[in-house]
Amino acid sequence: MTIVLLSWRRPWIGGIVFIAVAVLYATALARGRLDWIAVIAGPLFVVGLLFLWSWRQTADVSTR
């Protein structure tokens, strides 16, 4: 919840944190369980990508 609140105004924070948590989970906690990685780390990674995409879109609009 805290990550989402911090990312409300600064989406790059959410992008970095969510992707980092996904990678951390996939490498440290899932221990080769591809089904766990897909179900838990996959959505976290996608959310991180969406935050980064949102940040990029906002940056493009402000430079026009």
C-alpha atoms as a PDB file:
ATOM      1  CA  MET A   1       0.000   0.000   0.000  1.00  0.00           C
ATOM      2  CA  THR A   2       2.835   2.385   0.834  1.00  0.00           C
ATOM      3  CA  ILE A   3       4.475   1.811  -2.545  1.00  0.00           C
ATOM      4  CA  VAL A   4       1.256   2.699  -4.355  1.00  0.00           C
ATOM      5  CA  LEU A   5       0.836   5.875  -2.299  1.00  0.00           C
ATOM      6  CA  LEU A   6       4.412   6.962  -3.024  1.00  0.00           C
ATOM      7  CA  SER A   7       3.932   6.148  -6.693  1.00  0.00           C
ATOM      8  CA  TRP A   8       0.790   8.224  -7.063  1.00  0.00           C
ATOM      9  CA  ARG A   9       2.775  11.329  -7.975  1.00  0.00           C
ATOM     10  CA  ARG A  10       6.040   9.637  -8.969  1.00  0.00           C
ATOM     11  CA  PRO A  11       5.256   6.544 -11.073  1.00  0.00           C
ATOM     12  CA  TRP A  12       8.933   5.714 -11.633  1.00  0.00           C
ATOM     13  CA  ILE A  13       9.166   4.756  -7.948  1.00  0.00           C
ATOM     14  CA  GLY A  14       6.396   2.194  -8.373  1.00  0.00           C
ATOM     15  CA  GLY A  15       7.955   0.865 -11.545  1.00  0.00           C
ATOM     16  CA  ILE A  16      11.329   0.273  -9.968  1.00  0.00           C
ATOM     17  CA  VAL A  17       9.982  -1.143  -6.696  1.00  0.00           C
ATOM     18  CA  PHE A  18       7.420  -3.498  -8.227  1.00  0.00           C
ATOM     19  CA  ILE A  19       9.912  -4.863 -10.757  1.00  0.00           C
ATOM     20  CA  ALA A  20      12.540  -5.263  -8.027  1.00  0.00           C
ATOM     21  CA  VAL A  21      10.078  -7.143  -5.800  1.00  0.00           C
ATOM     22  CA  ALA A  22       9.135  -9.421  -8.716  1.00  0.00           C
ATOM     23  CA  VAL A  23      12.766 -10.221  -9.471  1.00  0.00           C
ATOM     24  CA  LEU A  24      13.557 -10.703  -5.780  1.00  0.00           C
ATOM     25  CA  TYR A  25      10.640 -13.094  -5.369  1.00  0.00           C
ATOM     26  CA  ALA A  26      11.510 -15.029  -8.521  1.00  0.00           C
ATOM     27  CA  THR A  27      15.159 -15.450  -7.565  1.00  0.00           C
ATOM     28  CA  ALA A  28      15.063 -15.806  -3.789  1.00  0.00           C
ATOM     29  CA  LEU A  29      11.720 -17.193  -2.710  1.00  0.00           C
ATOM     30  CA  ALA A  30      10.201 -19.201  -5.553  1.00  0.00           C
ATOM     31  CA  ARG A  31      13.212 -21.548  -5.811  1.00  0.00           C
ATOM     32  CA  GLY A  32      12.531 -22.792  -9.320  1.00  0.00           C
ATOM     33  CA  ARG A  33       8.759 -23.088  -9.010  1.00  0.00           C
ATOM     34  CA  LEU A  34       7.746 -21.663 -12.372  1.00  0.00           C
ATOM     35  CA  ASP A  35       4.057 -21.794 -11.495  1.00  0.00           C
ATOM     36  CA  TRP A  36       4.642 -19.642  -8.389  1.00  0.00           C
ATOM     37  CA  ILE A  37       6.788 -17.224 -10.350  1.00  0.00           C
ATOM     38  CA  ALA A  38       4.117 -16.866 -13.038  1.00  0.00           C
ATOM     39  CA  VAL A  39       1.269 -16.341 -10.574  1.00  0.00           C
ATOM     40  CA  ILE A  40       2.983 -14.039  -8.070  1.00  0.00           C
ATOM     41  CA  ALA A  41       5.975 -12.367  -9.730  1.00  0.00           C
ATOM     42  CA  GLY A  42       4.343 -12.068 -13.151  1.00  0.00           C
ATOM     43  CA  PRO A  43       1.608  -9.614 -12.126  1.00  0.00           C
ATOM     44  CA  LEU A  44       4.079  -7.631  -9.993  1.00  0.00           C
ATOM     45  CA  PHE A  45       6.347  -7.293 -13.013  1.00  0.00           C
ATOM     46  CA  VAL A  46       3.443  -6.195 -15.226  1.00  0.00           C
ATOM     47  CA  VAL A  47       2.348  -3.592 -12.657  1.00  0.00           C
ATOM     48  CA  GLY A  48       5.907  -2.270 -12.568  1.00  0.00           C
ATOM     49  CA  LEU A  49       5.977  -2.015 -16.348  1.00  0.00           C
ATOM     50  CA  LEU A  50       2.642  -0.168 -16.312  1.00  0.00           C
ATOM     51  CA  PHE A  51       3.971   2.332 -13.767  1.00  0.00           C
ATOM     52  CA  LEU A  52       7.042   2.944 -15.950  1.00  0.00           C
ATOM     53  CA  TRP A  53       4.852   3.290 -19.040  1.00  0.00           C
ATOM     54  CA  SER A  54       2.648   5.810 -17.212  1.00  0.00           C
ATOM     55  CA  TRP A  55       5.715   7.777 -16.148  1.00  0.00           C
ATOM     56  CA  ARG A  56       7.029   7.790 -19.701  1.00  0.00           C
ATOM     57  CA  GLN A  57       3.698   8.926 -21.115  1.00  0.00           C
ATOM     58  CA  THR A  58       3.492  11.760 -18.582  1.00  0.00           C
ATOM     59  CA  ALA A  59       7.056  12.831 -19.385  1.00  0.00           C
ATOM     60  CA  ASP A  60       6.262  12.885 -23.121  1.00  0.00           C
ATOM     61  CA  VAL A  61       3.187  15.076 -22.590  1.00  0.00           C
ATOM     62  CA  SER A  62       5.052  17.594 -20.440  1.00  0.00           C
ATOM     63  CA  THR A  63       7.787  18.070 -23.057  1.00  0.00           C
ATOM     64  CA  ARG A  64       5.354  18.940 -25.880  1.00  0.00           C
END
